[in-house]
Amino acid sequence: MEYRTKAAVKIIAGLTKKEAFELFDLIGAVEKKFKQSKLRTNSIKREDAVMFIGETIDGWVNDGELEVPLHLSGSLMGFIRLMVSERAQEDELLFEYNRALCPLLQYDLFKADA
């Protein structure tokens, strides 16, 4: 398993199963926005790319283009920063999320519901 997949598993494992599926939908919305805007970060340095993507998503949230529930904002940004710093393609975020989600579903390793 790749490093970025293992790190994503740790992020998702801190969520309940319901929150993990909410985050899945949210990642899909972010990926769709990246596809529409045709933003690419592979040509800039990692640190700059992570900062640029964070600012871009914050801009979408502030403009009302993207609604991020407060309880998922940290997990979303953690996952996005991980993927950008590990040079995952912006249009393959759902694929990467699904790779990390599958073992958690298989072994039911989510945080227990409160």
Protein backbone atom coordinates (compact mmCIF):
# COMPACT_ATOMS: atom_id res chain seq x y z
CA MET A 1 0.00 0.00 0.00
CA GLU A 2 1.33 3.43 -0.94
CA TYR A 3 2.22 5.99 1.70
CA ARG A 4 -0.55 8.35 0.65
CA THR A 5 -3.12 5.57 0.88
CA LYS A 6 -1.94 4.61 4.37
CA ALA A 7 -2.03 8.23 5.48
CA ALA A 8 -5.52 8.66 4.00
CA VAL A 9 -6.67 5.54 5.88
CA LYS A 10 -5.58 7.22 9.12
CA ILE A 11 -7.55 10.35 8.27
CA ILE A 12 -10.70 8.44 7.37
CA ALA A 13 -10.41 6.06 10.36
CA GLY A 14 -10.89 9.06 12.64
CA LEU A 15 -14.43 9.42 11.31
CA THR A 16 -17.59 7.45 11.86
CA LYS A 17 -18.87 5.43 8.92
CA LYS A 18 -21.57 8.04 8.26
CA GLU A 19 -19.02 10.86 8.31
CA ALA A 20 -16.74 8.89 5.98
CA PHE A 21 -19.51 8.67 3.40
CA GLU A 22 -20.33 12.36 3.86
CA LEU A 23 -16.66 13.12 3.22
CA PHE A 24 -16.76 10.87 0.15
CA ASP A 25 -19.55 13.05 -1.29
CA LEU A 26 -17.64 16.19 -0.37
CA ILE A 27 -14.46 14.92 -2.05
CA GLY A 28 -16.57 14.25 -5.14
CA ALA A 29 -17.80 17.84 -5.12
CA VAL A 30 -14.23 19.15 -4.78
CA GLU A 31 -13.01 16.91 -7.61
CA LYS A 32 -15.87 18.13 -9.81
CA LYS A 33 -14.91 21.75 -9.11
CA PHE A 34 -11.29 20.99 -9.99
CA LYS A 35 -12.39 19.42 -13.27
CA GLN A 36 -14.57 22.43 -14.09
CA SER A 37 -11.85 24.95 -13.26
CA LYS A 38 -9.07 22.88 -14.88
CA LEU A 39 -6.68 23.73 -12.05
CA ARG A 40 -3.43 21.77 -12.09
CA THR A 41 -0.66 21.97 -9.52
CA ASN A 42 1.92 19.52 -10.86
CA SER A 43 4.04 22.30 -12.34
CA ILE A 44 4.57 24.18 -9.06
CA LYS A 45 6.49 23.25 -5.92
CA ARG A 46 4.73 21.01 -3.41
CA GLU A 47 4.58 23.58 -0.64
CA ASP A 48 3.18 26.20 -3.01
CA ALA A 49 0.70 23.70 -4.44
CA VAL A 50 -0.62 22.76 -1.00
CA MET A 51 -1.04 26.43 -0.06
CA PHE A 52 -2.67 27.25 -3.43
CA ILE A 53 -5.18 24.40 -3.18
CA GLY A 54 -6.03 25.30 0.41
CA GLU A 55 -6.66 28.91 -0.58
CA THR A 56 -8.70 27.81 -3.59
CA ILE A 57 -10.98 25.59 -1.50
CA ASP A 58 -11.29 28.30 1.16
CA GLY A 59 -12.31 30.70 -1.61
CA TRP A 60 -14.98 28.28 -2.86
CA VAL A 61 -16.32 27.92 0.68
CA ASN A 62 -16.32 31.69 1.30
CA ASP A 63 -18.05 32.35 -2.04
CA GLY A 64 -20.74 29.79 -1.21
CA GLU A 65 -19.77 27.54 -4.12
CA LEU A 66 -18.87 24.68 -1.78
CA GLU A 67 -20.57 23.83 1.48
CA VAL A 68 -18.31 22.09 3.99
CA PRO A 69 -19.83 20.94 7.29
CA LEU A 70 -17.79 22.13 10.24
CA HIS A 71 -17.22 18.59 11.57
CA LEU A 72 -15.65 17.55 8.25
CA SER A 73 -13.54 20.60 7.43
CA GLY A 74 -10.38 19.31 9.14
CA SER A 75 -10.64 15.87 7.54
CA LEU A 76 -11.33 17.37 4.12
CA MET A 77 -8.36 19.71 4.25
CA GLY A 78 -6.12 17.01 5.70
CA PHE A 79 -7.01 14.64 2.87
CA ILE A 80 -6.67 17.30 0.16
CA ARG A 81 -3.31 18.52 1.49
CA LEU A 82 -2.05 14.95 1.66
CA MET A 83 -3.08 14.22 -1.92
CA VAL A 84 -1.61 17.45 -3.28
CA SER A 85 1.66 17.03 -1.40
CA GLU A 86 1.93 13.44 -2.65
CA ARG A 87 1.22 14.63 -6.21
CA ALA A 88 -2.06 12.80 -6.72
CA GLN A 89 -3.97 14.07 -9.73
CA GLU A 90 -6.71 16.57 -8.87
CA ASP A 91 -9.14 14.66 -11.06
CA GLU A 92 -8.49 11.36 -9.23
CA LEU A 93 -9.36 12.38 -5.68
CA LEU A 94 -12.36 10.04 -5.45
CA PHE A 95 -10.24 7.16 -6.72
CA GLU A 96 -7.64 7.84 -4.02
CA TYR A 97 -10.30 8.24 -1.34
CA ASN A 98 -11.93 4.97 -2.39
CA ARG A 99 -8.58 3.15 -2.20
CA ALA A 100 -8.28 4.24 1.42
CA LEU A 101 -11.94 3.66 2.25
CA CYS A 102 -12.09 0.03 1.05
CA PRO A 103 -9.95 -1.57 3.81
CA LEU A 104 -11.80 0.44 6.43
CA LEU A 105 -15.11 -0.87 5.15
CA GLN A 106 -13.78 -4.41 4.86
CA TYR A 107 -12.60 -4.54 8.47
CA ASP A 108 -15.04 -1.97 9.94
CA LEU A 109 -12.27 0.19 11.39
CA PHE A 110 -14.23 3.41 11.76
CA LYS A 111 -14.57 5.45 14.91
CA ALA A 112 -17.54 4.28 16.97
CA ASP A 113 -20.69 6.38 16.85
CA ALA A 114 -21.12 8.58 19.90
